[in-house]
Amino acid sequence: MAQETQLSVTVSGATRDKLDRFTTNRGLKKNYVVEQALLFFMEARREWPDEAFIPSRIVLRNAEFDRVARMIAKPRKPTRALVELMRGR
């Protein structure tokens, strides 16, 4: 049997509430969910390239934000190369 050890971590109140609801709704133990999440995260970081991880938050200056908002409102037509790439050619 693996030796167990206790960790002490700090998370936001919102994250704690989400974990509480998640485990209660599914009848799971918090220890199990946290350990599985950590193992999954560490394995993914080991196997996947850093480029595969998209930041959960992007900070933009006002001018950059306005440019992105315009691009979203009026997206350009995809290039032939992009279409072929997405089709696996």
N, C-alpha and C. Protein backbone atom coordinates (compact mmCIF):
# COMPACT_ATOMS: atom_id res chain seq x y z
N MET A 1 0.85 -1.19 0.00
CA MET A 1 0.00 0.00 0.00
C MET A 1 0.89 1.25 0.00
N ALA A 2 0.55 2.21 -0.81
CA ALA A 2 1.34 3.43 -0.91
C ALA A 2 1.23 4.25 0.37
N GLN A 3 2.35 4.85 0.74
CA GLN A 3 2.35 5.70 1.92
C GLN A 3 1.60 6.99 1.60
N GLU A 4 0.75 7.42 2.51
CA GLU A 4 -0.02 8.64 2.29
C GLU A 4 0.63 9.80 3.03
N THR A 5 0.48 10.98 2.46
CA THR A 5 0.98 12.19 3.10
C THR A 5 -0.05 13.28 2.89
N GLN A 6 -0.08 14.23 3.77
CA GLN A 6 -1.07 15.31 3.68
C GLN A 6 -0.42 16.54 3.07
N LEU A 7 -1.15 17.19 2.17
CA LEU A 7 -0.70 18.43 1.56
C LEU A 7 -1.53 19.58 2.11
N SER A 8 -0.93 20.74 2.17
CA SER A 8 -1.66 21.94 2.55
C SER A 8 -1.53 22.91 1.39
N VAL A 9 -2.66 23.27 0.82
CA VAL A 9 -2.66 24.20 -0.32
C VAL A 9 -3.69 25.29 -0.09
N THR A 10 -3.50 26.40 -0.78
CA THR A 10 -4.45 27.50 -0.70
C THR A 10 -5.11 27.65 -2.07
N VAL A 11 -6.42 27.68 -2.08
CA VAL A 11 -7.19 27.89 -3.31
C VAL A 11 -8.21 28.98 -3.04
N SER A 12 -8.75 29.53 -4.12
CA SER A 12 -9.76 30.57 -3.96
C SER A 12 -11.03 29.98 -3.37
N GLY A 13 -11.83 30.83 -2.78
CA GLY A 13 -13.12 30.39 -2.24
C GLY A 13 -14.01 29.81 -3.33
N ALA A 14 -13.94 30.41 -4.52
CA ALA A 14 -14.76 29.92 -5.64
C ALA A 14 -14.35 28.50 -6.03
N THR A 15 -13.04 28.24 -6.05
CA THR A 15 -12.57 26.90 -6.39
C THR A 15 -12.99 25.91 -5.32
N ARG A 16 -12.88 26.30 -4.08
CA ARG A 16 -13.31 25.42 -2.98
C ARG A 16 -14.79 25.10 -3.11
N ASP A 17 -15.61 26.10 -3.41
CA ASP A 17 -17.05 25.88 -3.57
C ASP A 17 -17.34 24.93 -4.73
N LYS A 18 -16.62 25.10 -5.84
CA LYS A 18 -16.81 24.21 -6.99
C LYS A 18 -16.43 22.78 -6.64
N LEU A 19 -15.32 22.61 -5.93
CA LEU A 19 -14.90 21.28 -5.51
C LEU A 19 -15.93 20.66 -4.58
N ASP A 20 -16.44 21.44 -3.64
CA ASP A 20 -17.46 20.94 -2.72
C ASP A 20 -18.70 20.45 -3.47
N ARG A 21 -19.19 21.29 -4.40
CA ARG A 21 -20.38 20.91 -5.18
C ARG A 21 -20.12 19.68 -6.05
N PHE A 22 -18.95 19.67 -6.69
CA PHE A 22 -18.60 18.56 -7.58
C PHE A 22 -18.57 17.24 -6.81
N THR A 23 -17.87 17.23 -5.70
CA THR A 23 -17.74 15.98 -4.94
C THR A 23 -19.06 15.56 -4.31
N THR A 24 -19.82 16.51 -3.82
CA THR A 24 -21.12 16.18 -3.22
C THR A 24 -22.07 15.62 -4.26
N ASN A 25 -22.15 16.27 -5.42
CA ASN A 25 -23.08 15.83 -6.47
C ASN A 25 -22.74 14.45 -7.03
N ARG A 26 -21.48 14.07 -6.96
CA ARG A 26 -21.06 12.79 -7.53
C ARG A 26 -20.73 11.74 -6.48
N GLY A 27 -20.86 12.11 -5.22
CA GLY A 27 -20.59 11.16 -4.16
C GLY A 27 -19.13 10.74 -4.08
N LEU A 28 -18.24 11.67 -4.38
CA LEU A 28 -16.81 11.37 -4.37
C LEU A 28 -16.14 12.01 -3.17
N LYS A 29 -14.98 11.49 -2.82
CA LYS A 29 -14.16 12.07 -1.76
C LYS A 29 -13.26 13.14 -2.36
N LYS A 30 -13.09 14.24 -1.65
CA LYS A 30 -12.24 15.33 -2.15
C LYS A 30 -10.81 14.84 -2.37
N ASN A 31 -10.30 14.03 -1.46
CA ASN A 31 -8.93 13.53 -1.60
C ASN A 31 -8.75 12.82 -2.93
N TYR A 32 -9.71 11.99 -3.29
CA TYR A 32 -9.63 11.23 -4.54
C TYR A 32 -9.63 12.18 -5.75
N VAL A 33 -10.54 13.14 -5.76
CA VAL A 33 -10.65 14.06 -6.89
C VAL A 33 -9.37 14.88 -7.04
N VAL A 34 -8.86 15.40 -5.93
CA VAL A 34 -7.65 16.22 -5.99
C VAL A 34 -6.46 15.40 -6.46
N GLU A 35 -6.30 14.19 -5.93
CA GLU A 35 -5.17 13.36 -6.35
C GLU A 35 -5.27 13.00 -7.83
N GLN A 36 -6.45 12.62 -8.29
CA GLN A 36 -6.62 12.28 -9.70
C GLN A 36 -6.35 13.49 -10.60
N ALA A 37 -6.81 14.66 -10.18
CA ALA A 37 -6.58 15.88 -10.95
C ALA A 37 -5.09 16.19 -11.04
N LEU A 38 -4.39 16.06 -9.93
CA LEU A 38 -2.94 16.32 -9.94
C LEU A 38 -2.20 15.33 -10.83
N LEU A 39 -2.55 14.07 -10.73
CA LEU A 39 -1.90 13.05 -11.57
C LEU A 39 -2.15 13.31 -13.04
N PHE A 40 -3.40 13.65 -13.39
CA PHE A 40 -3.74 13.94 -14.78
C PHE A 40 -2.95 15.16 -15.28
N PHE A 41 -2.93 16.20 -14.46
CA PHE A 41 -2.23 17.42 -14.85
C PHE A 41 -0.74 17.16 -15.08
N MET A 42 -0.11 16.47 -14.15
CA MET A 42 1.33 16.21 -14.28
C MET A 42 1.63 15.31 -15.48
N GLU A 43 0.79 14.33 -15.73
CA GLU A 43 1.00 13.45 -16.89
C GLU A 43 0.82 14.23 -18.19
N ALA A 44 -0.20 15.08 -18.23
CA ALA A 44 -0.43 15.88 -19.44
C ALA A 44 0.75 16.81 -19.70
N ARG A 45 1.26 17.45 -18.65
CA ARG A 45 2.39 18.34 -18.83
C ARG A 45 3.64 17.60 -19.27
N ARG A 46 3.76 16.34 -18.87
CA ARG A 46 4.90 15.55 -19.28
C ARG A 46 4.79 15.13 -20.74
N GLU A 47 3.58 14.76 -21.17
CA GLU A 47 3.38 14.21 -22.52
C GLU A 47 3.16 15.27 -23.58
N TRP A 48 2.48 16.35 -23.24
CA TRP A 48 2.10 17.35 -24.25
C TRP A 48 3.11 18.48 -24.29
N PRO A 49 3.32 19.08 -25.47
CA PRO A 49 4.23 20.22 -25.56
C PRO A 49 3.62 21.44 -24.87
N ASP A 50 4.47 22.35 -24.45
CA ASP A 50 3.98 23.56 -23.77
C ASP A 50 2.98 24.33 -24.62
N GLU A 51 3.13 24.26 -25.95
CA GLU A 51 2.24 24.99 -26.84
C GLU A 51 0.80 24.48 -26.77
N ALA A 52 0.60 23.29 -26.24
CA ALA A 52 -0.73 22.72 -26.15
C ALA A 52 -1.56 23.34 -25.03
N PHE A 53 -0.90 24.07 -24.15
CA PHE A 53 -1.59 24.65 -23.00
C PHE A 53 -1.87 26.12 -23.26
N ILE A 54 -3.14 26.42 -23.39
CA ILE A 54 -3.57 27.79 -23.66
C ILE A 54 -3.77 28.49 -22.32
N PRO A 55 -3.23 29.68 -22.16
CA PRO A 55 -3.43 30.38 -20.89
C PRO A 55 -4.92 30.57 -20.59
N SER A 56 -5.30 30.44 -19.35
CA SER A 56 -6.70 30.59 -18.99
C SER A 56 -7.11 32.06 -18.95
N ARG A 57 -6.12 32.95 -18.99
CA ARG A 57 -6.43 34.37 -18.95
C ARG A 57 -5.43 35.11 -19.83
N ILE A 58 -5.94 35.99 -20.64
CA ILE A 58 -5.09 36.80 -21.50
C ILE A 58 -5.33 38.26 -21.13
N VAL A 59 -4.26 38.99 -20.92
CA VAL A 59 -4.37 40.40 -20.56
C VAL A 59 -3.97 41.22 -21.77
N LEU A 60 -4.87 42.12 -22.18
CA LEU A 60 -4.63 42.97 -23.35
C LEU A 60 -4.76 44.44 -22.98
N ARG A 61 -4.00 45.27 -23.67
CA ARG A 61 -4.20 46.72 -23.55
C ARG A 61 -5.51 47.06 -24.27
N ASN A 62 -6.05 48.22 -24.00
CA ASN A 62 -7.34 48.60 -24.58
C ASN A 62 -7.33 48.54 -26.10
N ALA A 63 -6.27 49.05 -26.73
CA ALA A 63 -6.21 49.06 -28.19
C ALA A 63 -6.17 47.64 -28.74
N GLU A 64 -5.41 46.75 -28.07
CA GLU A 64 -5.34 45.36 -28.52
C GLU A 64 -6.69 44.67 -28.35
N PHE A 65 -7.37 44.96 -27.24
CA PHE A 65 -8.68 44.38 -27.01
C PHE A 65 -9.65 44.81 -28.11
N ASP A 66 -9.64 46.10 -28.44
CA ASP A 66 -10.53 46.59 -29.50
C ASP A 66 -10.24 45.91 -30.83
N ARG A 67 -8.97 45.68 -31.13
CA ARG A 67 -8.59 45.00 -32.38
C ARG A 67 -9.12 43.57 -32.39
N VAL A 68 -8.95 42.85 -31.28
CA VAL A 68 -9.45 41.48 -31.19
C VAL A 68 -10.97 41.46 -31.31
N ALA A 69 -11.64 42.40 -30.66
CA ALA A 69 -13.10 42.46 -30.73
C ALA A 69 -13.57 42.69 -32.17
N ARG A 70 -12.87 43.55 -32.91
CA ARG A 70 -13.23 43.77 -34.32
C ARG A 70 -13.02 42.51 -35.15
N MET A 71 -11.93 41.79 -34.89
CA MET A 71 -11.64 40.57 -35.64
C MET A 71 -12.71 39.50 -35.36
N ILE A 72 -13.19 39.44 -34.14
CA ILE A 72 -14.23 38.47 -33.79
C ILE A 72 -15.55 38.86 -34.44
N ALA A 73 -15.84 40.16 -34.45
CA ALA A 73 -17.10 40.63 -35.03
C ALA A 73 -17.13 40.42 -36.55
N LYS A 74 -15.98 40.56 -37.21
CA LYS A 74 -15.90 40.39 -38.66
C LYS A 74 -14.74 39.45 -38.99
N PRO A 75 -14.93 38.15 -38.80
CA PRO A 75 -13.82 37.22 -39.07
C PRO A 75 -13.49 37.17 -40.57
N ARG A 76 -12.20 36.99 -40.85
CA ARG A 76 -11.76 36.86 -42.23
C ARG A 76 -12.11 35.47 -42.74
N LYS A 77 -12.24 35.36 -44.05
CA LYS A 77 -12.48 34.07 -44.69
C LYS A 77 -11.21 33.23 -44.55
N PRO A 78 -11.34 31.94 -44.21
CA PRO A 78 -10.14 31.11 -44.07
C PRO A 78 -9.40 30.96 -45.41
N THR A 79 -8.09 30.88 -45.34
CA THR A 79 -7.30 30.69 -46.54
C THR A 79 -7.43 29.25 -47.02
N ARG A 80 -7.08 29.02 -48.27
CA ARG A 80 -7.13 27.66 -48.82
C ARG A 80 -6.21 26.74 -48.01
N ALA A 81 -5.03 27.25 -47.63
CA ALA A 81 -4.07 26.44 -46.86
C ALA A 81 -4.68 26.02 -45.52
N LEU A 82 -5.39 26.93 -44.87
CA LEU A 82 -6.01 26.59 -43.59
C LEU A 82 -7.11 25.55 -43.78
N VAL A 83 -7.91 25.71 -44.79
CA VAL A 83 -8.98 24.74 -45.07
C VAL A 83 -8.38 23.36 -45.31
N GLU A 84 -7.33 23.30 -46.12
CA GLU A 84 -6.70 22.01 -46.40
C GLU A 84 -6.07 21.41 -45.15
N LEU A 85 -5.45 22.25 -44.34
CA LEU A 85 -4.87 21.76 -43.08
C LEU A 85 -5.96 21.17 -42.18
N MET A 86 -7.06 21.84 -42.06
CA MET A 86 -8.14 21.37 -41.18
C MET A 86 -8.79 20.10 -41.72
N ARG A 87 -8.71 19.90 -43.04
CA ARG A 87 -9.26 18.68 -43.65
C ARG A 87 -8.24 17.53 -43.62
N GLY A 88 -7.04 17.82 -43.10
CA GLY A 88 -6.03 16.78 -42.98
C GLY A 88 -5.25 16.49 -44.23
N ARG A 89 -5.16 17.46 -45.10
CA ARG A 89 -4.44 17.27 -46.36
C ARG A 89 -3.04 17.82 -46.28
